[in-house]
Amino acid sequence: MAVVHPIRDTRTRVHGATVGIAGSAWPVFKLEALGLGLAVALLLLLITGAAQTAVLAGATVAALRWIAGAVRPANHKPHRG
């Protein structure tokens, strides 16, 4: 039987708080992105009635929020005012 000892990659960055889901630590910004995308999609579906528009807009908003959270500098410290 082989034993593998994972080495932490220095390129891996963990940003801010995490939430444990099914044994995995999810950064909060990812959950925010999913929730925001779903909210936008549902709202546009109710307003326009067009699923294509709602899904495309929801996916765009979710992707933008996800990217914004992922590219935040590693030395960023949240303001605790």
N, C-alpha and C. Protein backbone atom coordinates (compact mmCIF):
# COMPACT_ATOMS: atom_id res chain seq x y z
N MET A 1 0.84 -1.17 0.00
CA MET A 1 0.00 0.00 0.00
C MET A 1 0.89 1.24 0.00
N ALA A 2 0.59 2.18 -0.87
CA ALA A 2 1.37 3.41 -0.96
C ALA A 2 0.80 4.47 -0.02
N VAL A 3 1.69 5.22 0.57
CA VAL A 3 1.27 6.32 1.43
C VAL A 3 1.71 7.62 0.77
N VAL A 4 0.77 8.51 0.63
CA VAL A 4 1.06 9.79 0.00
C VAL A 4 0.93 10.88 1.05
N HIS A 5 1.95 11.70 1.14
CA HIS A 5 1.93 12.84 2.04
C HIS A 5 1.83 14.10 1.18
N PRO A 6 0.65 14.70 1.12
CA PRO A 6 0.50 15.87 0.26
C PRO A 6 1.36 17.04 0.75
N ILE A 7 1.97 17.70 -0.19
CA ILE A 7 2.79 18.88 0.11
C ILE A 7 1.95 20.09 -0.24
N ARG A 8 1.89 21.01 0.67
CA ARG A 8 1.11 22.22 0.41
C ARG A 8 1.79 23.05 -0.67
N ASP A 9 1.06 23.32 -1.72
CA ASP A 9 1.56 24.11 -2.84
C ASP A 9 1.58 25.58 -2.43
N THR A 10 2.70 26.25 -2.64
CA THR A 10 2.80 27.65 -2.24
C THR A 10 1.95 28.55 -3.11
N ARG A 11 1.53 28.05 -4.28
CA ARG A 11 0.68 28.86 -5.15
C ARG A 11 -0.77 28.87 -4.69
N THR A 12 -1.15 27.90 -3.85
CA THR A 12 -2.52 27.82 -3.37
C THR A 12 -2.76 28.91 -2.35
N ARG A 13 -3.83 29.67 -2.58
CA ARG A 13 -4.17 30.74 -1.65
C ARG A 13 -5.55 30.48 -1.09
N VAL A 14 -5.70 30.62 0.20
CA VAL A 14 -7.01 30.53 0.83
C VAL A 14 -7.36 31.92 1.32
N HIS A 15 -8.50 32.40 0.88
CA HIS A 15 -8.91 33.77 1.21
C HIS A 15 -9.99 33.76 2.28
N GLY A 16 -9.73 34.48 3.34
CA GLY A 16 -10.76 34.75 4.32
C GLY A 16 -11.38 33.52 4.96
N ALA A 17 -12.61 33.71 5.39
CA ALA A 17 -13.34 32.68 6.11
C ALA A 17 -13.78 31.56 5.19
N THR A 18 -13.90 30.39 5.77
CA THR A 18 -14.39 29.24 5.03
C THR A 18 -15.57 28.63 5.77
N VAL A 19 -16.36 27.87 5.03
CA VAL A 19 -17.51 27.16 5.58
C VAL A 19 -17.34 25.69 5.23
N GLY A 20 -17.52 24.83 6.21
CA GLY A 20 -17.39 23.39 5.97
C GLY A 20 -18.65 22.83 5.33
N ILE A 21 -18.51 22.27 4.13
CA ILE A 21 -19.62 21.64 3.43
C ILE A 21 -19.17 20.25 3.01
N ALA A 22 -19.85 19.24 3.52
CA ALA A 22 -19.56 17.84 3.19
C ALA A 22 -18.08 17.50 3.36
N GLY A 23 -17.47 18.01 4.42
CA GLY A 23 -16.09 17.69 4.70
C GLY A 23 -15.06 18.51 3.95
N SER A 24 -15.51 19.49 3.17
CA SER A 24 -14.59 20.36 2.43
C SER A 24 -14.76 21.79 2.89
N ALA A 25 -13.67 22.52 2.94
CA ALA A 25 -13.72 23.93 3.32
C ALA A 25 -13.97 24.78 2.08
N TRP A 26 -15.10 25.46 2.02
CA TRP A 26 -15.44 26.33 0.90
C TRP A 26 -15.23 27.77 1.33
N PRO A 27 -14.49 28.56 0.55
CA PRO A 27 -14.39 29.98 0.86
C PRO A 27 -15.76 30.65 0.74
N VAL A 28 -16.02 31.60 1.60
CA VAL A 28 -17.32 32.27 1.63
C VAL A 28 -17.62 32.96 0.31
N PHE A 29 -16.60 33.50 -0.37
CA PHE A 29 -16.87 34.21 -1.62
C PHE A 29 -17.47 33.29 -2.68
N LYS A 30 -17.14 32.01 -2.64
CA LYS A 30 -17.72 31.07 -3.60
C LYS A 30 -19.21 30.85 -3.31
N LEU A 31 -19.55 30.74 -2.05
CA LEU A 31 -20.96 30.58 -1.68
C LEU A 31 -21.75 31.85 -2.00
N GLU A 32 -21.13 33.01 -1.77
CA GLU A 32 -21.79 34.26 -2.13
C GLU A 32 -22.04 34.33 -3.63
N ALA A 33 -21.07 33.89 -4.42
CA ALA A 33 -21.22 33.92 -5.88
C ALA A 33 -22.37 33.02 -6.32
N LEU A 34 -22.46 31.82 -5.76
CA LEU A 34 -23.54 30.91 -6.12
C LEU A 34 -24.90 31.47 -5.73
N GLY A 35 -24.99 32.02 -4.52
CA GLY A 35 -26.26 32.59 -4.06
C GLY A 35 -26.68 33.80 -4.87
N LEU A 36 -25.73 34.66 -5.18
CA LEU A 36 -26.03 35.86 -5.97
C LEU A 36 -26.45 35.50 -7.38
N GLY A 37 -25.77 34.55 -7.99
CA GLY A 37 -26.14 34.11 -9.33
C GLY A 37 -27.53 33.51 -9.37
N LEU A 38 -27.86 32.70 -8.37
CA LEU A 38 -29.18 32.09 -8.29
C LEU A 38 -30.26 33.15 -8.09
N ALA A 39 -29.99 34.12 -7.22
CA ALA A 39 -30.96 35.18 -6.97
C ALA A 39 -31.22 36.00 -8.23
N VAL A 40 -30.17 36.35 -8.95
CA VAL A 40 -30.33 37.12 -10.18
C VAL A 40 -31.11 36.31 -11.22
N ALA A 41 -30.78 35.04 -11.35
CA ALA A 41 -31.47 34.19 -12.33
C ALA A 41 -32.96 34.08 -12.01
N LEU A 42 -33.29 33.84 -10.75
CA LEU A 42 -34.70 33.72 -10.38
C LEU A 42 -35.45 35.03 -10.55
N LEU A 43 -34.83 36.13 -10.19
CA LEU A 43 -35.47 37.43 -10.34
C LEU A 43 -35.73 37.75 -11.80
N LEU A 44 -34.74 37.53 -12.65
CA LEU A 44 -34.94 37.80 -14.08
C LEU A 44 -35.93 36.83 -14.71
N LEU A 45 -35.98 35.61 -14.23
CA LEU A 45 -36.96 34.66 -14.74
C LEU A 45 -38.38 35.12 -14.42
N LEU A 46 -38.55 35.67 -13.23
CA LEU A 46 -39.87 36.19 -12.86
C LEU A 46 -40.23 37.44 -13.64
N ILE A 47 -39.25 38.30 -13.88
CA ILE A 47 -39.51 39.56 -14.57
C ILE A 47 -39.70 39.35 -16.07
N THR A 48 -38.78 38.65 -16.70
CA THR A 48 -38.81 38.53 -18.15
C THR A 48 -39.54 37.29 -18.66
N GLY A 49 -39.53 36.23 -17.88
CA GLY A 49 -40.13 34.99 -18.33
C GLY A 49 -39.27 34.23 -19.33
N ALA A 50 -38.08 34.73 -19.61
CA ALA A 50 -37.18 34.10 -20.57
C ALA A 50 -36.06 33.38 -19.81
N ALA A 51 -36.07 32.07 -19.87
CA ALA A 51 -35.07 31.30 -19.13
C ALA A 51 -33.66 31.55 -19.65
N GLN A 52 -33.52 31.73 -20.97
CA GLN A 52 -32.19 31.93 -21.54
C GLN A 52 -31.54 33.20 -20.98
N THR A 53 -32.29 34.27 -20.93
CA THR A 53 -31.77 35.54 -20.40
C THR A 53 -31.43 35.41 -18.92
N ALA A 54 -32.32 34.78 -18.18
CA ALA A 54 -32.12 34.65 -16.74
C ALA A 54 -30.88 33.82 -16.42
N VAL A 55 -30.70 32.71 -17.11
CA VAL A 55 -29.55 31.84 -16.86
C VAL A 55 -28.25 32.52 -17.26
N LEU A 56 -28.25 33.18 -18.40
CA LEU A 56 -27.04 33.85 -18.86
C LEU A 56 -26.64 34.98 -17.91
N ALA A 57 -27.59 35.78 -17.50
CA ALA A 57 -27.29 36.89 -16.58
C ALA A 57 -26.87 36.36 -15.22
N GLY A 58 -27.55 35.34 -14.71
CA GLY A 58 -27.18 34.77 -13.42
C GLY A 58 -25.78 34.17 -13.44
N ALA A 59 -25.45 33.48 -14.51
CA ALA A 59 -24.11 32.89 -14.63
C ALA A 59 -23.04 33.98 -14.74
N THR A 60 -23.35 35.05 -15.44
CA THR A 60 -22.40 36.16 -15.57
C THR A 60 -22.13 36.81 -14.22
N VAL A 61 -23.18 37.09 -13.47
CA VAL A 61 -23.02 37.71 -12.15
C VAL A 61 -22.24 36.79 -11.21
N ALA A 62 -22.58 35.51 -11.22
CA ALA A 62 -21.88 34.55 -10.36
C ALA A 62 -20.40 34.45 -10.73
N ALA A 63 -20.10 34.42 -12.02
CA ALA A 63 -18.71 34.32 -12.46
C ALA A 63 -17.91 35.56 -12.08
N LEU A 64 -18.52 36.72 -12.22
CA LEU A 64 -17.82 37.96 -11.86
C LEU A 64 -17.53 38.02 -10.36
N ARG A 65 -18.49 37.60 -9.54
CA ARG A 65 -18.27 37.60 -8.09
C ARG A 65 -17.20 36.57 -7.71
N TRP A 66 -17.23 35.43 -8.35
CA TRP A 66 -16.26 34.37 -8.08
C TRP A 66 -14.85 34.85 -8.42
N ILE A 67 -14.71 35.47 -9.59
CA ILE A 67 -13.40 35.96 -10.02
C ILE A 67 -12.92 37.08 -9.10
N ALA A 68 -13.83 37.97 -8.71
CA ALA A 68 -13.44 39.07 -7.82
C ALA A 68 -12.92 38.54 -6.49
N GLY A 69 -13.50 37.47 -5.99
CA GLY A 69 -13.03 36.88 -4.74
C GLY A 69 -11.74 36.12 -4.92
N ALA A 70 -11.55 35.52 -6.08
CA ALA A 70 -10.36 34.71 -6.31
C ALA A 70 -9.11 35.54 -6.58
N VAL A 71 -9.26 36.72 -7.14
CA VAL A 71 -8.08 37.52 -7.48
C VAL A 71 -7.73 38.54 -6.41
N ARG A 72 -8.44 38.51 -5.31
CA ARG A 72 -8.12 39.43 -4.21
C ARG A 72 -6.70 39.14 -3.75
N PRO A 73 -5.90 40.16 -3.49
CA PRO A 73 -4.50 39.93 -3.08
C PRO A 73 -4.41 39.08 -1.82
N ALA A 74 -3.37 38.25 -1.76
CA ALA A 74 -3.19 37.35 -0.62
C ALA A 74 -2.96 38.11 0.67
N ASN A 75 -2.39 39.31 0.61
CA ASN A 75 -2.12 40.08 1.82
C ASN A 75 -3.27 41.01 2.18
N HIS A 76 -4.41 40.84 1.54
CA HIS A 76 -5.58 41.68 1.83
C HIS A 76 -6.10 41.36 3.21
N LYS A 77 -6.30 42.39 3.99
CA LYS A 77 -6.86 42.21 5.33
C LYS A 77 -8.18 42.96 5.38
N PRO A 78 -9.26 42.25 5.74
CA PRO A 78 -10.56 42.92 5.77
C PRO A 78 -10.58 44.02 6.81
N HIS A 79 -11.33 45.07 6.51
CA HIS A 79 -11.46 46.20 7.41
C HIS A 79 -12.37 45.82 8.57
N ARG A 80 -11.91 46.01 9.77
CA ARG A 80 -12.72 45.68 10.95
C ARG A 80 -13.03 46.97 11.69
N GLY A 81 -13.93 47.74 11.12
CA GLY A 81 -14.23 49.06 11.64
C GLY A 81 -15.23 49.05 12.68
